[in-house]
C-alpha atoms as a PDB file:
ATOM      1  CA  MET A   1     -27.140  16.096  42.392  1.00  0.00           C
ATOM      2  CA  THR A   2     -25.019  17.427  39.553  1.00  0.00           C
ATOM      3  CA  ARG A   3     -24.621  15.115  36.588  1.00  0.00           C
ATOM      4  CA  ALA A   4     -21.203  14.532  35.145  1.00  0.00           C
ATOM      5  CA  PRO A   5     -20.921  15.973  31.657  1.00  0.00           C
ATOM      6  CA  ALA A   6     -21.498  13.454  28.896  1.00  0.00           C
ATOM      7  CA  HIS A   7     -18.400  12.211  27.107  1.00  0.00           C
ATOM      8  CA  ARG A   8     -17.888  13.974  23.808  1.00  0.00           C
ATOM      9  CA  ARG A   9     -15.486  13.067  21.054  1.00  0.00           C
ATOM     10  CA  ARG A  10     -12.722  15.535  20.478  1.00  0.00           C
ATOM     11  CA  PRO A  11     -13.407  17.181  17.077  1.00  0.00           C
ATOM     12  CA  GLU A  12      -9.848  16.449  15.957  1.00  0.00           C
ATOM     13  CA  ALA A  13     -10.457  12.731  16.538  1.00  0.00           C
ATOM     14  CA  ARG A  14     -13.550  12.569  14.360  1.00  0.00           C
ATOM     15  CA  PRO A  15     -11.905  12.286  10.913  1.00  0.00           C
ATOM     16  CA  GLU A  16     -10.017   9.186  12.045  1.00  0.00           C
ATOM     17  CA  GLU A  17     -13.158   7.660  13.527  1.00  0.00           C
ATOM     18  CA  ILE A  18     -15.091   8.400  10.350  1.00  0.00           C
ATOM     19  CA  LEU A  19     -12.427   6.773   8.206  1.00  0.00           C
ATOM     20  CA  GLU A  20     -12.369   3.682  10.411  1.00  0.00           C
ATOM     21  CA  ALA A  21     -16.138   3.437  10.095  1.00  0.00           C
ATOM     22  CA  ALA A  22     -15.970   3.999   6.337  1.00  0.00           C
ATOM     23  CA  LEU A  23     -13.392   1.265   5.878  1.00  0.00           C
ATOM     24  CA  ALA A  24     -15.524  -1.162   7.877  1.00  0.00           C
ATOM     25  CA  VAL A  25     -18.655  -0.370   5.867  1.00  0.00           C
ATOM     26  CA  PHE A  26     -16.804  -0.481   2.547  1.00  0.00           C
ATOM     27  CA  GLY A  27     -15.408  -3.861   3.495  1.00  0.00           C
ATOM     28  CA  GLU A  28     -18.803  -5.243   4.448  1.00  0.00           C
ATOM     29  CA  GLN A  29     -20.949  -3.773   1.676  1.00  0.00           C
ATOM     30  CA  GLY A  30     -18.542  -2.857  -1.095  1.00  0.00           C
ATOM     31  CA  PHE A  31     -17.850   0.707  -2.131  1.00  0.00           C
ATOM     32  CA  ALA A  32     -20.731   0.991  -4.602  1.00  0.00           C
ATOM     33  CA  ALA A  33     -23.395  -0.246  -2.185  1.00  0.00           C
ATOM     34  CA  ALA A  34     -22.109   1.603   0.881  1.00  0.00           C
ATOM     35  CA  ARG A  35     -24.241   4.529   2.071  1.00  0.00           C
ATOM     36  CA  VAL A  36     -23.078   7.631   3.869  1.00  0.00           C
ATOM     37  CA  GLU A  37     -25.893   7.069   6.392  1.00  0.00           C
ATOM     38  CA  ASP A  38     -24.423   3.695   7.328  1.00  0.00           C
ATOM     39  CA  ILE A  39     -20.955   5.166   7.763  1.00  0.00           C
ATOM     40  CA  ALA A  40     -22.306   7.970   9.949  1.00  0.00           C
ATOM     41  CA  ARG A  41     -24.199   5.467  12.074  1.00  0.00           C
ATOM     42  CA  ARG A  42     -21.100   3.290  12.467  1.00  0.00           C
ATOM     43  CA  ALA A  43     -19.089   6.339  13.521  1.00  0.00           C
ATOM     44  CA  GLY A  44     -21.779   7.416  15.998  1.00  0.00           C
ATOM     45  CA  LEU A  45     -22.372  10.701  14.218  1.00  0.00           C
ATOM     46  CA  SER A  46     -25.203  12.353  12.365  1.00  0.00           C
ATOM     47  CA  LYS A  47     -25.036  12.452   8.587  1.00  0.00           C
ATOM     48  CA  GLY A  48     -24.785  16.240   8.735  1.00  0.00           C
ATOM     49  CA  THR A  49     -21.834  16.124  11.117  1.00  0.00           C
ATOM     50  CA  LEU A  50     -20.051  13.607   8.888  1.00  0.00           C
ATOM     51  CA  TYR A  51     -20.419  15.945   5.919  1.00  0.00           C
ATOM     52  CA  LEU A  52     -18.556  18.628   7.851  1.00  0.00           C
ATOM     53  CA  TYR A  53     -15.447  16.463   7.500  1.00  0.00           C
ATOM     54  CA  PHE A  54     -15.964  14.581   4.225  1.00  0.00           C
ATOM     55  CA  PRO A  55     -18.280  15.751   1.428  1.00  0.00           C
ATOM     56  CA  SER A  56     -18.789  12.258  -0.015  1.00  0.00           C
ATOM     57  CA  LYS A  57     -17.915   8.603   0.350  1.00  0.00           C
ATOM     58  CA  GLU A  58     -15.455   9.096  -2.535  1.00  0.00           C
ATOM     59  CA  ALA A  59     -13.631  11.655  -0.406  1.00  0.00           C
ATOM     60  CA  MET A  60     -13.488   9.146   2.447  1.00  0.00           C
ATOM     61  CA  LEU A  61     -11.970   6.459   0.244  1.00  0.00           C
ATOM     62  CA  ASN A  62      -9.471   8.924  -1.176  1.00  0.00           C
ATOM     63  CA  ALA A  63      -8.445   9.817   2.372  1.00  0.00           C
ATOM     64  CA  LEU A  64      -8.069   6.124   3.195  1.00  0.00           C
ATOM     65  CA  ILE A  65      -5.854   5.691   0.126  1.00  0.00           C
ATOM     66  CA  GLU A  66      -3.680   8.616   1.198  1.00  0.00           C
ATOM     67  CA  GLN A  67      -3.486   7.223   4.715  1.00  0.00           C
ATOM     68  CA  SER A  68      -2.300   3.772   3.622  1.00  0.00           C
ATOM     69  CA  ALA A  69      -1.021   3.294   0.070  1.00  0.00           C
ATOM     70  CA  GLY A  70      -0.158   6.961  -0.372  1.00  0.00           C
ATOM     71  CA  ALA A  71       1.911   7.004   2.794  1.00  0.00           C
ATOM     72  CA  LEU A  72       3.637   3.775   1.710  1.00  0.00           C
ATOM     73  CA  ALA A  73       4.471   5.274  -1.696  1.00  0.00           C
ATOM     74  CA  ARG A  74       6.082   8.290  -0.042  1.00  0.00           C
ATOM     75  CA  VAL A  75       8.124   6.028   2.254  1.00  0.00           C
ATOM     76  CA  VAL A  76       9.354   4.107  -0.799  1.00  0.00           C
ATOM     77  CA  GLU A  77      10.246   7.355  -2.571  1.00  0.00           C
ATOM     78  CA  GLN A  78      12.194   8.623   0.430  1.00  0.00           C
ATOM     79  CA  HIS A  79      13.946   5.280   0.882  1.00  0.00           C
ATOM     80  CA  VAL A  80      15.147   5.274  -2.736  1.00  0.00           C
ATOM     81  CA  ALA A  81      16.194   8.921  -2.579  1.00  0.00           C
ATOM     82  CA  THR A  82      18.397   8.345   0.467  1.00  0.00           C
ATOM     83  CA  SER A  83      19.876   4.918  -0.303  1.00  0.00           C
ATOM     84  CA  ALA A  84      19.880   4.060  -4.002  1.00  0.00           C
ATOM     85  CA  ALA A  85      22.945   6.055  -5.031  1.00  0.00           C
ATOM     86  CA  ALA A  86      25.161   4.498  -2.367  1.00  0.00           C
ATOM     87  CA  ASP A  87      24.094   0.842  -2.733  1.00  0.00           C
ATOM     88  CA  PRO A  88      21.349   0.100  -5.265  1.00  0.00           C
ATOM     89  CA  GLU A  89      21.133  -3.603  -4.439  1.00  0.00           C
ATOM     90  CA  ALA A  90      20.710  -2.913  -0.717  1.00  0.00           C
ATOM     91  CA  ALA A  91      18.149  -0.257  -1.627  1.00  0.00           C
ATOM     92  CA  LEU A  92      16.186  -2.809  -3.653  1.00  0.00           C
ATOM     93  CA  ARG A  93      16.240  -5.306  -0.792  1.00  0.00           C
ATOM     94  CA  GLY A  94      15.142  -2.606   1.634  1.00  0.00           C
ATOM     95  CA  LEU A  95      12.357  -1.516  -0.698  1.00  0.00           C
ATOM     96  CA  LEU A  96      10.993  -5.054  -0.851  1.00  0.00           C
ATOM     97  CA  ARG A  97      11.114  -5.343   2.930  1.00  0.00           C
ATOM     98  CA  ILE A  98       9.150  -2.100   3.257  1.00  0.00           C
ATOM     99  CA  LEU A  99       6.613  -3.300   0.711  1.00  0.00           C
ATOM    100  CA  PHE A 100       6.100  -6.782   2.127  1.00  0.00           C
ATOM    101  CA  THR A 101       5.903  -5.590   5.724  1.00  0.00           C
ATOM    102  CA  ALA A 102       3.225  -3.067   4.752  1.00  0.00           C
ATOM    103  CA  VAL A 103       1.050  -5.320   2.607  1.00  0.00           C
ATOM    104  CA  SER A 104       1.212  -8.063   5.230  1.00  0.00           C
ATOM    105  CA  SER A 105      -0.783  -5.794   7.535  1.00  0.00           C
ATOM    106  CA  PRO A 106      -4.552  -6.126   6.934  1.00  0.00           C
ATOM    107  CA  LYS A 107      -5.031  -2.574   8.170  1.00  0.00           C
ATOM    108  CA  VAL A 108      -2.558  -1.129   5.653  1.00  0.00           C
ATOM    109  CA  SER A 109      -3.662  -3.298   2.747  1.00  0.00           C
ATOM    110  CA  ALA A 110      -7.428  -2.898   3.247  1.00  0.00           C
ATOM    111  CA  ALA A 111      -7.817   0.277   1.171  1.00  0.00           C
ATOM    112  CA  PRO A 112      -5.553  -0.894  -1.692  1.00  0.00           C
ATOM    113  CA  ARG A 113      -7.458  -4.192  -1.843  1.00  0.00           C
ATOM    114  CA  LEU A 114     -10.701  -2.270  -2.048  1.00  0.00           C
ATOM    115  CA  VAL A 115      -9.331  -0.156  -4.884  1.00  0.00           C
ATOM    116  CA  LEU A 116      -8.261  -3.253  -6.816  1.00  0.00           C
ATOM    117  CA  THR A 117     -11.814  -4.592  -6.702  1.00  0.00           C
ATOM    118  CA  GLU A 118     -13.634  -1.311  -7.377  1.00  0.00           C
ATOM    119  CA  ALA A 119     -11.378   0.812  -9.608  1.00  0.00           C
ATOM    120  CA  HIS A 120     -12.622  -0.653 -12.885  1.00  0.00           C
ATOM    121  CA  ARG A 121     -16.116   0.689 -12.108  1.00  0.00           C
ATOM    122  CA  PHE A 122     -14.963   4.089 -10.837  1.00  0.00           C
ATOM    123  CA  PRO A 123     -12.501   5.759 -13.253  1.00  0.00           C
ATOM    124  CA  GLU A 124     -12.051   8.749 -10.962  1.00  0.00           C
ATOM    125  CA  LEU A 125     -10.992   6.404  -8.148  1.00  0.00           C
ATOM    126  CA  ALA A 126      -8.467   4.707 -10.424  1.00  0.00           C
ATOM    127  CA  ALA A 127      -7.134   8.128 -11.502  1.00  0.00           C
ATOM    128  CA  PHE A 128      -6.735   9.256  -7.881  1.00  0.00           C
ATOM    129  CA  TYR A 129      -4.896   6.043  -6.964  1.00  0.00           C
ATOM    130  CA  ARG A 130      -2.602   6.389  -9.934  1.00  0.00           C
ATOM    131  CA  SER A 131      -1.639  10.006  -9.223  1.00  0.00           C
ATOM    132  CA  HIS A 132      -1.283   9.602  -5.456  1.00  0.00           C
ATOM    133  CA  VAL A 133       0.301   6.133  -5.336  1.00  0.00           C
ATOM    134  CA  LEU A 134       1.364   4.538  -8.603  1.00  0.00           C
ATOM    135  CA  ASP A 135       3.015   7.574 -10.175  1.00  0.00           C
ATOM    136  CA  ILE A 136       5.091   8.114  -7.035  1.00  0.00           C
ATOM    137  CA  VAL A 137       6.190   4.473  -6.933  1.00  0.00           C
ATOM    138  CA  ARG A 138       6.948   4.527 -10.651  1.00  0.00           C
ATOM    139  CA  ARG A 139       9.255   7.532 -10.248  1.00  0.00           C
ATOM    140  CA  ALA A 140      11.012   5.850  -7.339  1.00  0.00           C
ATOM    141  CA  MET A 141      11.487   2.613  -9.282  1.00  0.00           C
ATOM    142  CA  ARG A 142      12.927   4.503 -12.259  1.00  0.00           C
ATOM    143  CA  ALA A 143      15.307   6.379  -9.952  1.00  0.00           C
ATOM    144  CA  LEU A 144      16.453   3.107  -8.368  1.00  0.00           C
ATOM    145  CA  LEU A 145      17.015   1.495 -11.753  1.00  0.00           C
ATOM    146  CA  ASP A 146      18.896   4.534 -13.078  1.00  0.00           C
ATOM    147  CA  ALA A 147      21.163   4.558 -10.021  1.00  0.00           C
ATOM    148  CA  ALA A 148      21.860   0.830 -10.321  1.00  0.00           C
ATOM    149  CA  VAL A 149      22.656   1.031 -14.047  1.00  0.00           C
ATOM    150  CA  ALA A 150      24.900   4.057 -13.507  1.00  0.00           C
ATOM    151  CA  LYS A 151      26.945   2.113 -10.957  1.00  0.00           C
ATOM    152  CA  GLY A 152      27.063  -1.002 -13.138  1.00  0.00           C
ATOM    153  CA  VAL A 153      25.112  -3.036 -10.560  1.00  0.00           C
ATOM    154  CA  PHE A 154      22.140  -3.804 -12.869  1.00  0.00           C
ATOM    155  CA  ARG A 155      22.085  -4.110 -16.639  1.00  0.00           C
ATOM    156  CA  PRO A 156      19.847  -1.670 -18.539  1.00  0.00           C
ATOM    157  CA  VAL A 157      16.269  -2.971 -18.745  1.00  0.00           C
ATOM    158  CA  ASP A 158      12.906  -1.451 -19.563  1.00  0.00           C
ATOM    159  CA  ALA A 159      11.804   0.714 -16.636  1.00  0.00           C
ATOM    160  CA  ASP A 160       8.137  -0.283 -16.791  1.00  0.00           C
ATOM    161  CA  ALA A 161       9.021  -3.981 -16.901  1.00  0.00           C
ATOM    162  CA  PHE A 162      11.325  -3.393 -13.921  1.00  0.00           C
ATOM    163  CA  MET A 163       8.508  -1.776 -11.953  1.00  0.00           C
ATOM    164  CA  ARG A 164       6.159  -4.676 -12.648  1.00  0.00           C
ATOM    165  CA  VAL A 165       8.755  -7.272 -11.684  1.00  0.00           C
ATOM    166  CA  ILE A 166       9.521  -5.519  -8.393  1.00  0.00           C
ATOM    167  CA  ALA A 167       5.989  -4.498  -7.382  1.00  0.00           C
ATOM    168  CA  GLY A 168       4.209  -7.603  -8.673  1.00  0.00           C
ATOM    169  CA  PRO A 169       5.276  -9.978  -5.871  1.00  0.00           C
ATOM    170  CA  GLY A 170       3.966  -7.547  -3.253  1.00  0.00           C
ATOM    171  CA  ILE A 171       0.558  -7.349  -4.921  1.00  0.00           C
ATOM    172  CA  ALA A 172       0.462 -11.129  -5.258  1.00  0.00           C
ATOM    173  CA  HIS A 173       1.412 -11.562  -1.591  1.00  0.00           C
ATOM    174  CA  MET A 174      -1.309  -9.130  -0.524  1.00  0.00           C
ATOM    175  CA  ALA A 175      -3.935 -11.027  -2.506  1.00  0.00           C
ATOM    176  CA  LEU A 176      -2.816 -14.511  -1.487  1.00  0.00           C
ATOM    177  CA  THR A 177      -2.539 -13.629   2.196  1.00  0.00           C
ATOM    178  CA  ASN A 178      -5.460 -11.282   2.805  1.00  0.00           C
ATOM    179  CA  ILE A 179      -7.989 -12.479   0.227  1.00  0.00           C
ATOM    180  CA  PHE A 180      -7.311 -16.197  -0.128  1.00  0.00           C
ATOM    181  CA  ASP A 181      -5.806 -16.791   3.334  1.00  0.00           C
ATOM    182  CA  LEU A 182      -2.854 -18.564   1.714  1.00  0.00           C
ATOM    183  CA  HIS A 183       0.139 -17.854   3.934  1.00  0.00           C
ATOM    184  CA  PRO A 184       3.746 -18.931   3.326  1.00  0.00           C
ATOM    185  CA  ASP A 185       4.602 -22.269   4.929  1.00  0.00           C
ATOM    186  CA  LYS A 186       8.078 -21.271   6.083  1.00  0.00           C
ATOM    187  CA  LEU A 187       8.769 -17.606   5.366  1.00  0.00           C
ATOM    188  CA  THR A 188       6.263 -16.208   7.836  1.00  0.00           C
ATOM    189  CA  ASP A 189       8.274 -13.061   8.574  1.00  0.00           C
ATOM    190  CA  PRO A 190       7.594 -10.488   5.805  1.00  0.00           C
ATOM    191  CA  ALA A 191      11.243  -9.382   5.872  1.00  0.00           C
ATOM    192  CA  ASP A 192      12.448 -12.954   5.316  1.00  0.00           C
ATOM    193  CA  LEU A 193       9.988 -13.391   2.455  1.00  0.00           C
ATOM    194  CA  ALA A 194      11.171 -10.120   0.917  1.00  0.00           C
ATOM    195  CA  ASP A 195      14.807 -11.268   1.140  1.00  0.00           C
ATOM    196  CA  ALA A 196      13.952 -14.584  -0.543  1.00  0.00           C
ATOM    197  CA  ILE A 197      12.144 -12.816  -3.373  1.00  0.00           C
ATOM    198  CA  ALA A 198      14.995 -10.324  -3.755  1.00  0.00           C
ATOM    199  CA  ASP A 199      17.404 -13.242  -4.106  1.00  0.00           C
ATOM    200  CA  ILE A 200      15.263 -14.790  -6.864  1.00  0.00           C
ATOM    201  CA  LEU A 201      14.912 -11.452  -8.657  1.00  0.00           C
ATOM    202  CA  LEU A 202      18.613 -10.694  -8.490  1.00  0.00           C
ATOM    203  CA  ASN A 203      19.986 -14.178  -9.162  1.00  0.00           C
ATOM    204  CA  GLY A 204      17.269 -15.924 -11.167  1.00  0.00           C
ATOM    205  CA  LEU A 205      16.094 -19.506 -10.919  1.00  0.00           C
ATOM    206  CA  LYS A 206      18.770 -21.365 -12.826  1.00  0.00           C
ATOM    207  CA  PRO A 207      21.323 -23.295 -10.718  1.00  0.00           C
ATOM    208  CA  ARG A 208      24.604 -21.490 -10.226  1.00  0.00           C
ATOM    209  CA  LEU A 209      27.731 -23.035 -11.702  1.00  0.00           C
ATOM    210  CA  GLU A 210      30.259 -24.239  -9.160  1.00  0.00           C
ATOM    211  CA  SER A 211      32.671 -21.551 -10.303  1.00  0.00           C
ATOM    212  CA  GLU A 212      30.153 -18.793  -9.707  1.00  0.00           C
ATOM    213  CA  PRO A 213      30.101 -16.947  -6.372  1.00  0.00           C
ATOM    214  CA  SER A 214      27.156 -17.681  -4.110  1.00  0.00           C
END
């Protein structure tokens, strides 16, 4: 009787499987304590086979960053490039919706959360995250601000302060939701939460005068 051939992973599927295994091990053990052997075992591969795809656990985490936060940064950059000149305020609202929808996903936010906890001990990891994520977002934020000021929609403000004001709520939401399990009571849809935060950022907290438009 002829045996059916054993199931084999397609080689092109292995990098994704390795990264999924790496993320799971990093989450369980922390980046510093994680061992390549454990990642290989989780992926169902030999250590030697794993090294054919990734030379180190640092390379795996860098790939995870590119796959999640890096991809998000490029989406933000493209969004600003295509929408800021026409309607900067709508572009800002759309940017916040993109950001909050992404960080509300545990799968998307897992690698950035790991970086936040580990970067202070691994300068090269922090440098990679900055060049592949933060620098891209910073350029996009500056472009959005410049477009808004040019059209008279926003007043001139410091670009780095602007970036922190816009990006800060997304980081806080990621931490509160995925680390502390503190979810919004009412604004459970990330897009609705983004719109509410955009309204506060654009209009402030002080009550409007009756003569002012709503």
